[in-house]
Amino acid sequence: MRKRTWLISLVWVVWLIGAQATVYAEEQSAESLFGGDRGNWHPSLGLSGYWTDNLFNTADNEKSDYVAAVSPGLWLAFPARFDKPASVPTVNNAAGGMAYSMMDDMTEYGLYQIYASYTADLFYYDEYSDEDFTAQKAEAKLGFYPGPKTRIELSHVYDDNREDFGVGESSPDQDDKYTGNLTTLTTGYQLTPKLNLQALGSFYKLDYDESFSAFREREDWTFGGKITFELTPKLDLFGEYEYVDTDYDSDDELDSEENKFYAGVTWSITEKTRGLAKVGYNNKEYDGDVSDEDELQLEVQLDYRFSPKTAMRLNALRYLNETDTAGTTGRLTQEVNADLRYQLVPKVSTNLKAGWLNDDYEGDITVGTDTDSRDDDYLNAQVDLTWQALQWLELTCGYSWEDRDSNFDVFDYTTNTLFVSLTGVL
């Protein structure tokens, strides 16, 4: 009864705040309420809660719990701007710290652009309060544009977070907190009206708090170049090369060098569609006594608007990943994610999400009496409903489902989650 009362109270508070804010501000803009009309600073605040039937993502002895989260945030821009730049998609399992590519930023700036952002998620657990923690992410970018043909951008991402429960071989009593730092320098030059050159270098450092995850700590150096040819004003062809040197702190056998070659296309053909597709080859050579890997790599990012009310986003990826399981050297990851958004009425919309991911590990592990190479399949789905109470305030509620099916039964799990959130963003 206490748990049910806790959740009902949270939902009631979130709904009441949204309703009262709507009544108070229905004839006022966010700028007049908070003074954000200059466009230099943009605060945000989220309140959310969820219930899950399998908090630790375990195969058996499942534990349910209620979780509340407070999510403050702030982003700054000088000179002022109202559109927030895309967040850098850091992934701690990907060599170099990133799996998906950043879409080219075609914004025209003045001489410079300074951008910084900070977000935090403060999680509070009802039954398992020992799991309370705070996740933080900070980003900063300095762009220098001395002429219409030249772009120089220096950026840094700080990610202080925790692995999802059940990642790798972690057990419910293990706390996989980590810190990732990614620094990137990118330069671009327009050689001709149709030909662009780009070079980049980056450094990624990954650290874990606990000794049982120390084998995953590493440093990655990445260097690369890209040539883009404008076939039409809305269609570009490109060739890309990337070199990644991965240096593990404690396991020299996993140190490696990767050479990646890609050919691809980016498009923004109409207002309805924008995307990127590239295919390539990755040669990964290990420094230790580990077999080298040669794999086809693939990436697709597609945004498509069927109508003013219906839009879809599709992502697909095939790439070599770093390991999260002791005794294995790496893994081949393949994934597909789709997100369909439909506007039911002017202020109410729904999202349908679905995804599949497969992790095929290199190297055999022993679990109980079984010895084999690990192979995991993940399926996930989510449906949610969003009420855009104001231009800057929205209320969302929904349900999500995730299932992992491994060839080792101990790694299987199924998790169901109900959630509600109220978010205000200037």
Protein backbone atom coordinates (compact mmCIF):
# COMPACT_ATOMS: atom_id res chain seq x y z
CA MET A 1 0.00 0.00 0.00
CA ARG A 2 2.86 2.41 0.83
CA LYS A 3 4.37 1.90 -2.64
CA ARG A 4 1.07 2.49 -4.39
CA THR A 5 0.43 5.65 -2.36
CA TRP A 6 3.95 6.87 -3.19
CA LEU A 7 3.39 6.51 -6.95
CA ILE A 8 -0.11 8.00 -6.89
CA SER A 9 1.21 10.99 -4.95
CA LEU A 10 4.01 11.54 -7.43
CA VAL A 11 1.70 11.35 -10.45
CA TRP A 12 -0.74 13.74 -8.74
CA VAL A 13 2.03 16.26 -7.97
CA VAL A 14 3.39 16.13 -11.53
CA TRP A 15 -0.10 16.58 -12.99
CA LEU A 16 -1.00 19.37 -10.55
CA ILE A 17 2.18 21.32 -11.32
CA GLY A 18 1.49 21.04 -15.05
CA ALA A 19 -2.15 22.11 -14.68
CA GLN A 20 -1.36 25.08 -12.44
CA ALA A 21 1.49 26.22 -14.68
CA THR A 22 -0.81 26.08 -17.69
CA VAL A 23 -3.52 28.17 -16.01
CA TYR A 24 -1.01 30.75 -14.83
CA ALA A 25 0.91 31.03 -18.10
CA GLU A 26 -1.61 30.37 -20.86
CA GLU A 27 -1.52 34.03 -21.92
CA GLN A 28 2.17 34.58 -21.21
CA SER A 29 5.24 33.46 -23.13
CA ALA A 30 8.11 31.55 -21.55
CA GLU A 31 10.36 34.53 -22.26
CA SER A 32 8.17 36.93 -20.27
CA LEU A 33 7.94 34.48 -17.38
CA PHE A 34 11.62 33.65 -17.11
CA GLY A 35 13.44 36.43 -18.94
CA GLY A 36 14.99 34.16 -21.57
CA ASP A 37 14.23 36.42 -24.54
CA ARG A 38 17.91 37.23 -25.07
CA GLY A 39 18.56 33.66 -26.22
CA ASN A 40 21.87 33.40 -24.35
CA TRP A 41 20.69 31.05 -21.61
CA HIS A 42 18.07 28.31 -21.66
CA PRO A 43 17.21 26.55 -18.37
CA SER A 44 15.15 23.36 -18.09
CA LEU A 45 13.66 21.23 -15.35
CA GLY A 46 12.12 17.78 -15.44
CA LEU A 47 10.18 15.84 -12.79
CA SER A 48 9.53 12.18 -13.46
CA GLY A 49 8.68 8.89 -11.83
CA TYR A 50 8.50 5.29 -12.92
CA TRP A 51 7.66 1.82 -11.69
CA THR A 52 9.53 -1.25 -12.90
CA ASP A 53 8.89 -4.92 -12.24
CA ASN A 54 12.55 -5.95 -12.71
CA LEU A 55 14.79 -3.19 -11.39
CA PHE A 56 18.07 -5.12 -11.67
CA ASN A 57 17.29 -6.81 -15.02
CA THR A 58 17.73 -10.33 -13.67
CA ALA A 59 16.64 -13.71 -15.02
CA ASP A 60 14.96 -14.69 -11.76
CA ASN A 61 14.33 -13.31 -8.25
CA GLU A 62 13.02 -10.13 -9.87
CA LYS A 63 12.74 -7.00 -7.72
CA SER A 64 10.20 -4.23 -8.37
CA ASP A 65 10.55 -0.62 -7.24
CA TYR A 66 9.33 2.95 -7.66
CA VAL A 67 11.85 5.58 -8.73
CA ALA A 68 11.60 9.38 -8.77
CA ALA A 69 13.92 11.65 -10.74
CA VAL A 70 14.63 15.37 -10.77
CA SER A 71 16.41 16.61 -13.93
CA PRO A 72 17.70 20.20 -13.96
CA GLY A 73 19.54 21.53 -16.99
CA LEU A 74 20.98 24.65 -18.58
CA TRP A 75 22.52 25.51 -21.91
CA LEU A 76 24.27 28.72 -22.93
CA ALA A 77 25.15 30.24 -26.28
CA PHE A 78 27.14 33.31 -27.28
CA PRO A 79 26.11 34.90 -29.62
CA ALA A 80 22.50 34.10 -28.72
CA ARG A 81 20.58 31.27 -30.39
CA PHE A 82 17.28 29.52 -29.73
CA ASP A 83 17.93 26.16 -31.43
CA LYS A 84 19.95 23.82 -29.23
CA PRO A 85 22.83 22.10 -31.07
CA ALA A 86 22.63 18.34 -31.33
CA SER A 87 24.12 16.56 -28.33
CA VAL A 88 27.27 14.49 -28.98
CA PRO A 89 26.18 10.80 -28.88
CA THR A 90 28.94 9.40 -26.65
CA VAL A 91 28.93 5.64 -26.04
CA ASN A 92 31.42 4.11 -23.61
CA ASN A 93 31.46 0.75 -25.43
CA ALA A 94 32.47 2.21 -28.81
CA ALA A 95 36.13 2.64 -29.72
CA GLY A 96 36.76 6.39 -29.80
CA GLY A 97 33.74 7.07 -27.57
CA MET A 98 31.16 7.41 -30.37
CA ALA A 99 29.11 4.89 -32.35
CA TYR A 100 26.75 7.00 -34.50
CA SER A 101 28.14 9.82 -36.63
CA MET A 102 27.35 13.45 -36.01
CA MET A 103 25.36 14.94 -38.88
CA ASP A 104 27.25 17.82 -40.51
CA ASP A 105 26.38 21.19 -38.96
CA MET A 106 25.49 23.46 -41.88
CA THR A 107 24.61 26.46 -39.72
CA GLU A 108 26.22 29.72 -40.85
CA TYR A 109 27.90 31.46 -37.90
CA GLY A 110 29.63 34.76 -37.44
CA LEU A 111 33.27 34.91 -36.41
CA TYR A 112 32.74 32.60 -33.43
CA GLN A 113 30.18 30.56 -31.49
CA ILE A 114 30.44 29.49 -27.84
CA TYR A 115 28.13 26.77 -26.55
CA ALA A 116 27.94 25.00 -23.19
CA SER A 117 25.35 22.75 -21.57
CA TYR A 118 24.85 20.83 -18.33
CA THR A 119 22.21 18.29 -17.39
CA ALA A 120 21.77 16.15 -14.29
CA ASP A 121 19.41 13.34 -13.34
CA LEU A 122 18.95 12.79 -9.60
CA PHE A 123 17.44 9.34 -9.04
CA TYR A 124 15.68 8.40 -5.79
CA TYR A 125 14.62 4.78 -5.20
CA ASP A 126 11.76 3.84 -2.89
CA GLU A 127 12.63 0.30 -1.75
CA TYR A 128 16.32 0.21 -2.73
CA SER A 129 17.47 3.62 -1.54
CA ASP A 130 21.12 2.46 -1.56
CA GLU A 131 20.90 2.76 -5.36
CA ASP A 132 20.24 6.53 -5.25
CA PHE A 133 22.67 8.33 -7.53
CA THR A 134 23.17 11.37 -9.74
CA ALA A 135 24.07 11.19 -13.44
CA GLN A 136 25.69 14.25 -15.01
CA LYS A 137 26.60 15.31 -18.53
CA ALA A 138 28.36 18.52 -19.56
CA GLU A 139 29.25 19.68 -23.07
CA ALA A 140 31.20 22.68 -24.34
CA LYS A 141 32.12 23.83 -27.84
CA LEU A 142 34.14 26.73 -29.17
CA GLY A 143 33.71 27.39 -32.87
CA PHE A 144 35.93 29.75 -34.85
CA TYR A 145 34.94 30.75 -38.40
CA PRO A 146 37.53 33.14 -39.85
CA GLY A 147 35.95 33.04 -43.29
CA PRO A 148 33.06 31.50 -45.25
CA LYS A 149 35.28 28.59 -46.29
CA THR A 150 36.88 27.68 -42.95
CA ARG A 151 35.52 26.03 -39.78
CA ILE A 152 37.53 25.21 -36.65
CA GLU A 153 35.68 23.63 -33.71
CA LEU A 154 36.98 22.42 -30.36
CA SER A 155 34.57 20.47 -28.13
CA HIS A 156 34.56 18.48 -24.90
CA VAL A 157 32.00 16.10 -23.38
CA TYR A 158 32.03 15.00 -19.74
CA ASP A 159 29.80 12.03 -18.91
CA ASP A 160 29.43 10.87 -15.28
CA ASN A 161 26.97 8.00 -15.26
CA ARG A 162 26.23 4.40 -14.37
CA GLU A 163 25.77 1.33 -16.53
CA ASP A 164 22.25 -0.03 -16.82
CA PHE A 165 21.65 -2.88 -14.41
CA GLY A 166 22.48 -6.22 -15.99
CA VAL A 167 25.17 -4.90 -18.38
CA GLY A 168 28.02 -7.35 -18.93
CA GLU A 169 28.27 -9.77 -16.03
CA SER A 170 27.28 -7.25 -13.35
CA SER A 171 25.13 -8.42 -10.45
CA PRO A 172 22.55 -6.38 -8.48
CA ASP A 173 25.07 -5.58 -5.71
CA GLN A 174 27.64 -4.17 -8.16
CA ASP A 175 27.60 -0.45 -8.93
CA ASP A 176 29.07 0.20 -12.41
CA LYS A 177 29.67 3.94 -12.14
CA TYR A 178 31.96 5.40 -14.78
CA THR A 179 33.34 8.69 -16.04
CA GLY A 180 33.97 9.39 -19.71
CA ASN A 181 35.77 12.40 -21.19
CA LEU A 182 35.82 13.06 -24.94
CA THR A 183 37.78 15.96 -26.47
CA THR A 184 37.51 16.61 -30.22
CA LEU A 185 39.14 19.07 -32.62
CA THR A 186 37.53 19.37 -36.05
CA THR A 187 38.64 21.53 -38.98
CA GLY A 188 36.88 22.02 -42.30
CA TYR A 189 37.77 23.86 -45.49
CA GLN A 190 35.74 24.45 -48.67
CA LEU A 191 38.26 23.75 -51.42
CA THR A 192 35.83 24.53 -54.27
CA PRO A 193 32.12 25.39 -54.36
CA LYS A 194 31.37 21.65 -54.52
CA LEU A 195 34.32 20.08 -52.67
CA ASN A 196 34.84 20.16 -48.89
CA LEU A 197 37.68 18.74 -46.83
CA GLN A 198 37.50 17.86 -43.14
CA ALA A 199 40.01 16.57 -40.59
CA LEU A 200 39.50 15.57 -36.96
CA GLY A 201 41.34 14.31 -33.95
CA SER A 202 39.91 13.18 -30.62
CA PHE A 203 40.89 11.70 -27.27
CA TYR A 204 38.54 9.60 -25.13
CA LYS A 205 39.27 8.42 -21.58
CA LEU A 206 37.05 5.97 -19.70
CA ASP A 207 37.35 5.30 -15.94
CA TYR A 208 35.30 3.15 -13.53
CA ASP A 209 34.82 3.62 -9.80
CA GLU A 210 35.00 -0.04 -8.78
CA SER A 211 37.81 -2.57 -9.24
CA PHE A 212 35.57 -5.27 -10.78
CA SER A 213 35.19 -3.06 -13.88
CA ALA A 214 38.83 -1.91 -14.00
CA PHE A 215 39.50 -4.22 -16.98
CA ARG A 216 37.31 -1.90 -19.10
CA GLU A 217 39.28 1.31 -18.40
CA ARG A 218 41.03 2.62 -21.48
CA GLU A 219 42.24 5.58 -23.56
CA ASP A 220 41.33 6.02 -27.23
CA TRP A 221 43.07 8.27 -29.77
CA THR A 222 41.15 8.90 -33.02
CA PHE A 223 42.34 10.62 -36.20
CA GLY A 224 40.45 10.91 -39.46
CA GLY A 225 39.62 12.76 -42.62
CA LYS A 226 36.62 13.23 -44.88
CA ILE A 227 36.10 14.44 -48.45
CA THR A 228 32.60 15.60 -49.41
CA PHE A 229 31.38 16.30 -52.95
CA GLU A 230 28.16 18.23 -53.49
CA LEU A 231 26.37 16.30 -56.22
CA THR A 232 23.32 18.58 -55.96
CA PRO A 233 22.47 21.38 -53.51
CA LYS A 234 20.64 18.78 -51.38
CA LEU A 235 22.68 15.62 -52.02
CA ASP A 236 26.32 15.02 -50.98
CA LEU A 237 28.65 12.09 -51.57
CA PHE A 238 31.59 11.49 -49.25
CA GLY A 239 34.58 9.28 -48.54
CA GLU A 240 35.90 8.90 -45.02
CA TYR A 241 38.88 7.37 -43.21
CA GLU A 242 39.32 6.88 -39.47
CA TYR A 243 42.15 5.49 -37.37
CA VAL A 244 41.55 4.52 -33.71
CA ASP A 245 44.25 3.49 -31.25
CA THR A 246 42.80 1.84 -28.11
CA ASP A 247 45.03 1.46 -25.05
CA TYR A 248 43.65 -0.46 -22.04
CA ASP A 249 45.00 0.42 -18.60
CA SER A 250 45.30 -3.10 -17.21
CA ASP A 251 44.94 -5.61 -20.08
CA ASP A 252 47.49 -5.13 -22.86
CA GLU A 253 46.01 -8.11 -24.71
CA LEU A 254 42.99 -5.94 -25.62
CA ASP A 255 45.02 -3.00 -26.97
CA SER A 256 44.23 -2.53 -30.65
CA GLU A 257 44.48 -0.37 -33.75
CA GLU A 258 41.54 0.11 -36.11
CA ASN A 259 41.54 1.34 -39.71
CA LYS A 260 38.10 2.23 -41.01
CA PHE A 261 37.17 3.17 -44.59
CA TYR A 262 33.73 4.45 -45.59
CA ALA A 263 31.77 5.67 -48.60
CA GLY A 264 28.43 7.35 -48.06
CA VAL A 265 25.76 9.86 -48.89
CA THR A 266 23.94 12.59 -46.96
CA TRP A 267 20.74 14.20 -48.15
CA SER A 268 18.17 16.84 -47.38
CA ILE A 269 16.18 16.44 -50.56
CA THR A 270 12.90 18.02 -49.40
CA GLU A 271 11.45 19.30 -46.16
CA LYS A 272 10.16 15.76 -45.66
CA THR A 273 13.43 13.86 -45.48
CA ARG A 274 16.99 14.21 -44.17
CA GLY A 275 19.52 11.49 -43.55
CA LEU A 276 22.88 9.78 -43.79
CA ALA A 277 23.93 6.37 -45.04
CA LYS A 278 27.43 4.93 -45.18
CA VAL A 279 29.04 1.55 -45.67
CA GLY A 280 32.63 0.59 -44.97
CA TYR A 281 35.29 -1.81 -43.84
CA ASN A 282 37.02 -2.06 -40.46
CA ASN A 283 40.32 -3.83 -39.87
CA LYS A 284 40.98 -4.25 -36.13
CA GLU A 285 44.47 -5.49 -35.18
CA TYR A 286 45.14 -6.47 -31.56
CA ASP A 287 48.54 -5.94 -29.95
CA GLY A 288 48.29 -9.17 -27.94
CA ASP A 289 47.77 -12.80 -28.91
CA VAL A 290 44.23 -12.18 -30.15
CA SER A 291 42.91 -12.87 -33.64
CA ASP A 292 42.47 -9.76 -35.77
CA GLU A 293 39.01 -8.85 -37.00
CA ASP A 294 37.80 -7.67 -40.42
CA GLU A 295 34.18 -6.60 -40.56
CA LEU A 296 31.71 -4.82 -42.79
CA GLN A 297 30.42 -1.69 -41.06
CA LEU A 298 27.14 0.06 -41.80
CA GLU A 299 25.29 3.12 -40.53
CA VAL A 300 21.93 4.64 -41.50
CA GLN A 301 20.17 7.69 -40.03
CA LEU A 302 16.85 8.65 -41.61
CA ASP A 303 14.27 11.30 -40.71
CA TYR A 304 11.09 11.29 -42.77
CA ARG A 305 7.92 13.36 -42.39
CA PHE A 306 4.96 11.62 -44.01
CA SER A 307 2.58 14.51 -43.26
CA PRO A 308 2.33 17.50 -40.92
CA LYS A 309 1.03 15.07 -38.27
CA THR A 310 3.22 12.02 -38.84
CA ALA A 311 7.02 11.67 -38.71
CA MET A 312 9.46 8.76 -38.46
CA ARG A 313 13.08 8.33 -37.45
CA LEU A 314 15.06 5.20 -38.34
CA ASN A 315 18.60 4.31 -37.19
CA ALA A 316 20.60 1.22 -38.12
CA LEU A 317 24.16 0.27 -37.21
CA ARG A 318 26.67 -2.56 -37.64
CA TYR A 319 30.05 -2.03 -35.97
CA LEU A 320 32.77 -3.56 -33.82
CA ASN A 321 32.38 -2.76 -30.14
CA GLU A 322 34.59 -2.97 -27.07
CA THR A 323 33.81 -5.73 -24.57
CA ASP A 324 31.90 -5.47 -21.29
CA THR A 325 32.44 -9.12 -20.29
CA ALA A 326 35.68 -10.41 -18.78
CA GLY A 327 37.30 -13.15 -20.86
CA THR A 328 36.05 -11.81 -24.19
CA THR A 329 37.99 -9.52 -26.53
CA GLY A 330 35.21 -7.57 -28.20
CA ARG A 331 31.90 -7.94 -29.92
CA LEU A 332 30.07 -7.31 -33.17
CA THR A 333 26.99 -5.16 -32.55
CA GLN A 334 24.06 -4.88 -34.95
CA GLU A 335 21.03 -2.76 -34.16
CA VAL A 336 17.92 -1.20 -35.69
CA ASN A 337 15.71 1.41 -33.96
CA ALA A 338 12.53 3.04 -35.24
CA ASP A 339 10.51 5.92 -33.76
CA LEU A 340 7.10 6.88 -35.15
CA ARG A 341 5.46 10.10 -33.93
CA TYR A 342 1.82 10.99 -34.60
CA GLN A 343 -0.01 14.17 -33.58
CA LEU A 344 -3.48 13.17 -32.41
CA VAL A 345 -4.75 16.74 -31.83
CA PRO A 346 -2.92 20.10 -31.85
CA LYS A 347 -1.43 19.67 -28.34
CA VAL A 348 -1.41 15.89 -27.94
CA SER A 349 0.91 13.44 -29.69
CA THR A 350 1.95 9.83 -29.33
CA ASN A 351 5.25 8.04 -29.92
CA LEU A 352 5.75 4.42 -30.86
CA LYS A 353 9.30 3.08 -30.54
CA ALA A 354 10.75 -0.34 -31.28
CA GLY A 355 14.26 -1.72 -31.52
CA TRP A 356 16.43 -4.80 -31.96
CA LEU A 357 20.09 -5.28 -31.03
CA ASN A 358 22.44 -8.24 -31.24
CA ASP A 359 25.80 -8.53 -29.46
CA ASP A 360 28.03 -11.35 -30.76
CA TYR A 361 31.08 -11.64 -28.46
CA GLU A 362 34.56 -12.79 -29.48
CA GLY A 363 36.08 -15.41 -27.19
CA ASP A 364 34.57 -18.14 -25.03
CA ILE A 365 33.41 -17.70 -21.44
CA THR A 366 32.38 -20.26 -18.83
CA VAL A 367 29.12 -19.87 -16.92
CA GLY A 368 28.39 -22.75 -14.55
CA THR A 369 29.23 -25.88 -16.51
CA ASP A 370 28.73 -24.29 -19.96
CA THR A 371 31.57 -22.87 -22.09
CA ASP A 372 30.69 -20.99 -25.27
CA SER A 373 30.92 -17.64 -27.02
CA ARG A 374 28.25 -15.29 -25.70
CA ASP A 375 25.46 -14.11 -28.04
CA ASP A 376 22.69 -11.75 -26.83
CA ASP A 377 19.55 -10.52 -28.57
CA TYR A 378 17.69 -7.48 -27.23
CA LEU A 379 14.14 -6.46 -28.14
CA ASN A 380 12.50 -3.28 -26.85
CA ALA A 381 9.27 -1.37 -27.40
CA GLN A 382 7.74 1.78 -25.96
CA VAL A 383 4.54 3.75 -26.32
CA ASP A 384 3.96 7.16 -24.78
CA LEU A 385 1.49 10.03 -24.89
CA THR A 386 2.59 13.68 -24.66
CA TRP A 387 0.50 16.73 -23.87
CA GLN A 388 2.19 19.97 -24.98
CA ALA A 389 0.56 22.17 -22.35
CA LEU A 390 2.60 25.18 -23.47
CA GLN A 391 5.31 25.74 -26.03
CA TRP A 392 7.87 25.21 -23.25
CA LEU A 393 6.01 22.74 -21.00
CA GLU A 394 4.98 19.13 -21.70
CA LEU A 395 3.58 16.19 -19.77
CA THR A 396 4.37 12.63 -20.88
CA CYS A 397 3.25 9.21 -19.67
CA GLY A 398 3.94 5.81 -21.15
CA TYR A 399 4.97 2.16 -20.98
CA SER A 400 8.17 0.39 -22.08
CA TRP A 401 9.21 -3.25 -22.43
CA GLU A 402 12.68 -4.75 -22.85
CA ASP A 403 13.76 -8.36 -23.30
CA ARG A 404 17.25 -9.91 -23.50
CA ASP A 405 17.60 -13.45 -24.83
CA SER A 406 21.10 -14.88 -24.40
CA ASN A 407 22.56 -18.29 -25.17
CA PHE A 408 23.43 -18.29 -21.44
CA ASP A 409 20.12 -18.39 -19.55
CA VAL A 410 21.57 -16.52 -16.57
CA PHE A 411 21.78 -13.35 -18.71
CA ASP A 412 18.12 -13.47 -19.84
CA TYR A 413 15.64 -10.93 -18.51
CA THR A 414 12.32 -9.22 -19.26
CA THR A 415 11.49 -5.81 -17.80
CA ASN A 416 8.26 -3.78 -17.86
CA THR A 417 8.19 -0.09 -16.90
CA LEU A 418 5.46 2.54 -16.44
CA PHE A 419 6.53 6.19 -16.36
CA VAL A 420 5.27 9.79 -16.15
CA SER A 421 7.24 13.03 -16.55
CA LEU A 422 6.77 16.80 -16.62
CA THR A 423 9.40 18.83 -18.49
CA GLY A 424 9.85 22.56 -18.95
CA VAL A 425 12.43 23.87 -21.44
CA LEU A 426 13.14 27.43 -22.56
